[in-house]
Amino acid sequence: MGSFVGGALPPDDVVVRALRAGDEAMFAALLDTWSRGMLRVARSYVSTDHSAEEVVQDTWLAVVDGIDAFEERSSVKTWVFRILVNTAKKRGVRESRTLPWSAFEQDGAPFPDGALFRGLAGPARDGRAQPAAAWPTPEGEALAGEVRALIAGALARLPPRQRVVISLRDVEGCTSDEVCDILEITPANQRVLLHRARTAVRGWLADYYESVKQPE
């Protein structure tokens, strides 16, 4: 199978057929497209980057082993990320770091350019994120790298359950339904967690922009 136009993956039925046929190019395309985001999500559950890498490796092995049994009741991405989350949760429990997943019920590297800002702009009527506003000043482009680092630090400061939801929604671009499916939580819980995470990150970014506009 040749390269994919614009880096976009083909439809799920094509992906599944290729994986079942052992198509190495398709597997490599999935690795290139999803592995970085999978590392971010896995890191929400485990204590080290090395552990997150092992979780991702174990997930891909499970995908290869399980593709023949995949029933296509969800998207391939949702299925893969659900395997990832379950694998990471088990690893996190062994490390005695992760909160019990039932806590959801009690709680009511570089990023793709602009992805988190699209999410922070708020949901559109169809549930997807609105486009981000332009950088506020011409100097914004020069500050982009610094802001991405700030966002990474902000995400790391969030509680694990908020971090994984905002990572899936605003960094990976998953829909609310996909996040609920991956994490096996209710739409209400997803909205609460996402709102709290976005509010916190927005506040930290606002403090940053204020300091940039009014240096001491």
Protein backbone atom coordinates (compact mmCIF):
# COMPACT_ATOMS: atom_id res chain seq x y z
CA MET A 1 0.00 0.00 0.00
CA GLY A 2 1.39 3.39 -0.97
CA SER A 3 1.72 6.59 1.01
CA PHE A 4 -1.42 8.35 2.22
CA VAL A 5 -2.41 11.68 0.74
CA GLY A 6 -1.76 14.49 3.20
CA GLY A 7 -0.95 11.95 5.87
CA ALA A 8 -4.65 11.09 6.24
CA LEU A 9 -5.59 7.53 7.03
CA PRO A 10 -8.01 5.67 4.74
CA PRO A 11 -11.49 4.61 5.92
CA ASP A 12 -11.71 2.10 8.75
CA ASP A 13 -12.76 -0.81 6.56
CA VAL A 14 -9.61 -0.34 4.47
CA VAL A 15 -7.47 -0.10 7.62
CA VAL A 16 -8.95 -3.29 9.08
CA ARG A 17 -8.49 -5.28 5.88
CA ALA A 18 -4.91 -4.12 5.58
CA LEU A 19 -4.07 -4.99 9.18
CA ARG A 20 -5.64 -8.41 8.84
CA ALA A 21 -3.54 -8.95 5.72
CA GLY A 22 -0.38 -8.02 7.60
CA ASP A 23 0.19 -4.80 5.65
CA GLU A 24 3.31 -3.30 7.22
CA ALA A 25 2.81 0.08 5.54
CA MET A 26 -0.61 0.45 7.11
CA PHE A 27 0.71 -0.55 10.52
CA ALA A 28 3.53 1.99 10.17
CA ALA A 29 1.02 4.68 9.20
CA LEU A 30 -1.02 4.01 12.33
CA LEU A 31 2.13 4.12 14.44
CA ASP A 32 3.16 7.45 12.95
CA THR A 33 -0.33 8.94 13.35
CA TRP A 34 -1.34 7.75 16.81
CA SER A 35 1.70 6.69 18.86
CA ARG A 36 2.65 10.17 20.10
CA GLY A 37 -0.88 10.79 21.33
CA MET A 38 -1.01 7.32 22.84
CA LEU A 39 2.10 8.12 24.84
CA ARG A 40 0.46 11.25 26.24
CA VAL A 41 -2.65 9.36 27.27
CA ALA A 42 -0.68 6.47 28.76
CA ARG A 43 1.43 8.92 30.76
CA SER A 44 -1.73 10.03 32.56
CA TYR A 45 -1.81 6.64 34.29
CA VAL A 46 1.79 5.59 34.82
CA SER A 47 4.69 7.10 36.69
CA THR A 48 7.44 7.32 34.06
CA ASP A 49 7.89 7.96 30.36
CA HIS A 50 9.48 4.53 30.07
CA SER A 51 6.36 2.90 31.51
CA ALA A 52 4.20 4.84 29.06
CA GLU A 53 6.35 3.60 26.17
CA GLU A 54 5.91 0.03 27.36
CA VAL A 55 2.16 0.53 27.61
CA VAL A 56 2.06 1.74 24.01
CA GLN A 57 4.17 -1.21 22.86
CA ASP A 58 1.90 -3.65 24.69
CA THR A 59 -1.12 -1.95 23.14
CA TRP A 60 0.17 -2.36 19.60
CA LEU A 61 0.93 -6.02 20.28
CA ALA A 62 -2.64 -6.46 21.52
CA VAL A 63 -3.95 -4.71 18.39
CA VAL A 64 -2.02 -7.06 16.12
CA ASP A 65 -3.15 -10.10 18.11
CA GLY A 66 -6.76 -8.96 18.28
CA ILE A 67 -7.45 -7.45 14.86
CA ASP A 68 -9.06 -10.63 13.53
CA ALA A 69 -11.59 -10.52 16.37
CA PHE A 70 -12.33 -6.79 15.97
CA GLU A 71 -16.09 -6.54 15.41
CA GLU A 72 -16.09 -2.96 14.05
CA ARG A 73 -18.71 -1.80 16.55
CA SER A 74 -16.60 1.33 17.08
CA SER A 75 -13.96 3.12 15.06
CA VAL A 76 -10.51 1.58 14.86
CA LYS A 77 -9.07 4.55 16.74
CA THR A 78 -11.60 4.18 19.56
CA TRP A 79 -10.84 0.46 19.79
CA VAL A 80 -7.07 1.05 19.89
CA PHE A 81 -7.31 3.79 22.51
CA ARG A 82 -9.64 1.68 24.64
CA ILE A 83 -7.02 -1.08 24.65
CA LEU A 84 -4.41 1.54 25.53
CA VAL A 85 -6.41 2.91 28.46
CA ASN A 86 -7.14 -0.54 29.87
CA THR A 87 -3.47 -1.51 29.54
CA ALA A 88 -2.31 1.74 31.14
CA LYS A 89 -4.80 1.43 33.99
CA LYS A 90 -3.54 -2.05 34.85
CA ARG A 91 0.04 -0.85 34.73
CA GLY A 92 -0.80 2.19 36.84
CA VAL A 93 -2.50 0.09 39.49
CA ARG A 94 0.63 -2.04 39.73
CA GLU A 95 2.61 1.14 40.27
CA SER A 96 0.13 2.23 42.97
CA ARG A 97 -0.19 5.62 41.32
CA THR A 98 -3.53 5.78 39.54
CA LEU A 99 -6.82 6.70 41.19
CA PRO A 100 -9.52 4.03 40.93
CA TRP A 101 -11.43 4.53 37.69
CA SER A 102 -14.62 4.68 39.76
CA ALA A 103 -13.43 8.15 40.77
CA PHE A 104 -14.97 9.33 37.51
CA GLU A 105 -18.38 8.73 39.01
CA GLN A 106 -17.47 10.94 41.97
CA ASP A 107 -16.30 13.84 39.89
CA GLY A 108 -19.76 14.87 38.68
CA ALA A 109 6.56 16.48 23.47
CA PRO A 110 5.18 18.93 20.96
CA PHE A 111 1.47 19.20 20.24
CA PRO A 112 -0.14 19.53 16.82
CA ASP A 113 -0.16 23.28 16.20
CA GLY A 114 -3.35 24.88 17.44
CA ALA A 115 -5.03 21.64 18.52
CA LEU A 116 -5.42 22.53 22.17
CA PHE A 117 -6.39 26.09 21.34
CA ARG A 118 -9.23 24.82 19.15
CA GLY A 119 -10.50 22.91 22.15
CA LEU A 120 -10.07 25.83 24.50
CA ALA A 121 -12.20 27.96 22.22
CA GLY A 122 -15.17 25.93 23.35
CA PRO A 123 -17.49 23.35 21.79
CA ALA A 124 -19.50 24.13 18.72
CA ARG A 125 -23.12 23.15 18.39
CA ASP A 126 -22.25 19.75 16.95
CA GLY A 127 -20.01 18.98 19.92
CA ARG A 128 -16.76 19.54 18.05
CA ALA A 129 -14.27 22.22 18.99
CA GLN A 130 -14.54 25.64 17.41
CA PRO A 131 -11.60 27.02 15.41
CA ALA A 132 -8.98 28.75 17.48
CA ALA A 133 -8.56 32.47 17.41
CA ALA A 134 -5.42 33.80 15.77
CA TRP A 135 -2.39 34.55 17.88
CA PRO A 136 -3.02 37.95 19.49
CA THR A 137 0.19 39.63 18.28
CA PRO A 138 2.71 39.26 15.44
CA GLU A 139 5.15 37.99 18.03
CA GLY A 140 2.82 35.06 18.67
CA GLU A 141 4.49 32.78 16.15
CA ALA A 142 7.83 33.25 17.87
CA LEU A 143 6.21 32.40 21.18
CA ALA A 144 4.50 29.26 19.89
CA GLY A 145 7.23 26.91 21.06
CA GLU A 146 7.24 28.42 24.52
CA VAL A 147 3.46 28.20 24.75
CA ARG A 148 3.46 24.56 23.69
CA ALA A 149 5.87 23.88 26.52
CA LEU A 150 3.57 25.81 28.85
CA ILE A 151 0.61 23.70 27.71
CA ALA A 152 2.56 20.51 28.31
CA GLY A 153 3.33 21.69 31.82
CA ALA A 154 -0.30 22.69 32.37
CA LEU A 155 -1.55 19.28 31.32
CA ALA A 156 0.93 17.63 33.67
CA ARG A 157 -0.51 19.67 36.56
CA LEU A 158 -4.05 18.42 35.99
CA PRO A 159 -5.54 15.52 37.95
CA PRO A 160 -5.10 12.29 35.93
CA ARG A 161 -8.78 11.88 35.03
CA GLN A 162 -9.02 15.46 33.76
CA ARG A 163 -5.72 15.17 31.90
CA VAL A 164 -6.75 12.09 29.95
CA VAL A 165 -10.08 13.61 28.90
CA ILE A 166 -8.60 16.91 27.68
CA SER A 167 -5.77 15.03 25.95
CA LEU A 168 -8.22 12.88 24.03
CA ARG A 169 -10.59 15.75 23.17
CA ASP A 170 -8.33 18.72 22.53
CA VAL A 171 -5.02 17.16 21.58
CA GLU A 172 -6.10 13.97 19.81
CA GLY A 173 -9.29 15.46 18.38
CA CYS A 174 -11.64 12.74 19.59
CA THR A 175 -15.35 13.52 19.77
CA SER A 176 -17.18 13.45 23.08
CA ASP A 177 -18.84 10.17 22.10
CA GLU A 178 -15.47 8.62 21.30
CA VAL A 179 -14.04 9.72 24.65
CA CYS A 180 -17.00 8.25 26.50
CA ASP A 181 -16.55 5.01 24.58
CA ILE A 182 -12.80 4.84 25.18
CA LEU A 183 -12.99 5.65 28.88
CA GLU A 184 -16.38 4.02 29.52
CA ILE A 185 -17.78 7.10 31.25
CA THR A 186 -21.08 8.94 30.91
CA PRO A 187 -21.49 12.04 28.74
CA ALA A 188 -22.16 14.09 31.88
CA ASN A 189 -18.90 12.98 33.49
CA GLN A 190 -17.01 13.68 30.29
CA ARG A 191 -18.41 17.21 30.13
CA VAL A 192 -17.60 17.94 33.77
CA LEU A 193 -14.04 16.66 33.51
CA LEU A 194 -13.42 18.49 30.23
CA HIS A 195 -14.86 21.74 31.56
CA ARG A 196 -12.70 21.63 34.68
CA ALA A 197 -9.58 20.80 32.69
CA ARG A 198 -10.19 23.52 30.10
CA THR A 199 -10.93 26.09 32.79
CA ALA A 200 -7.69 25.31 34.59
CA VAL A 201 -5.54 25.34 31.44
CA ARG A 202 -7.23 28.51 30.18
CA GLY A 203 -6.47 30.22 33.49
CA TRP A 204 -2.81 29.26 33.36
CA LEU A 205 -2.55 30.45 29.75
CA ALA A 206 -4.30 33.74 30.62
CA ASP A 207 -1.75 34.36 33.36
CA TYR A 208 1.02 33.71 30.83
CA TYR A 209 -0.39 36.12 28.23
CA GLU A 210 -0.89 38.79 30.89
CA SER A 211 2.76 38.49 31.89
CA VAL A 212 3.84 38.72 28.24
CA LYS A 213 1.78 41.87 27.62
CA GLN A 214 2.85 43.51 30.87
CA PRO A 215 6.43 42.53 31.61
CA GLU A 216 7.88 43.76 34.84
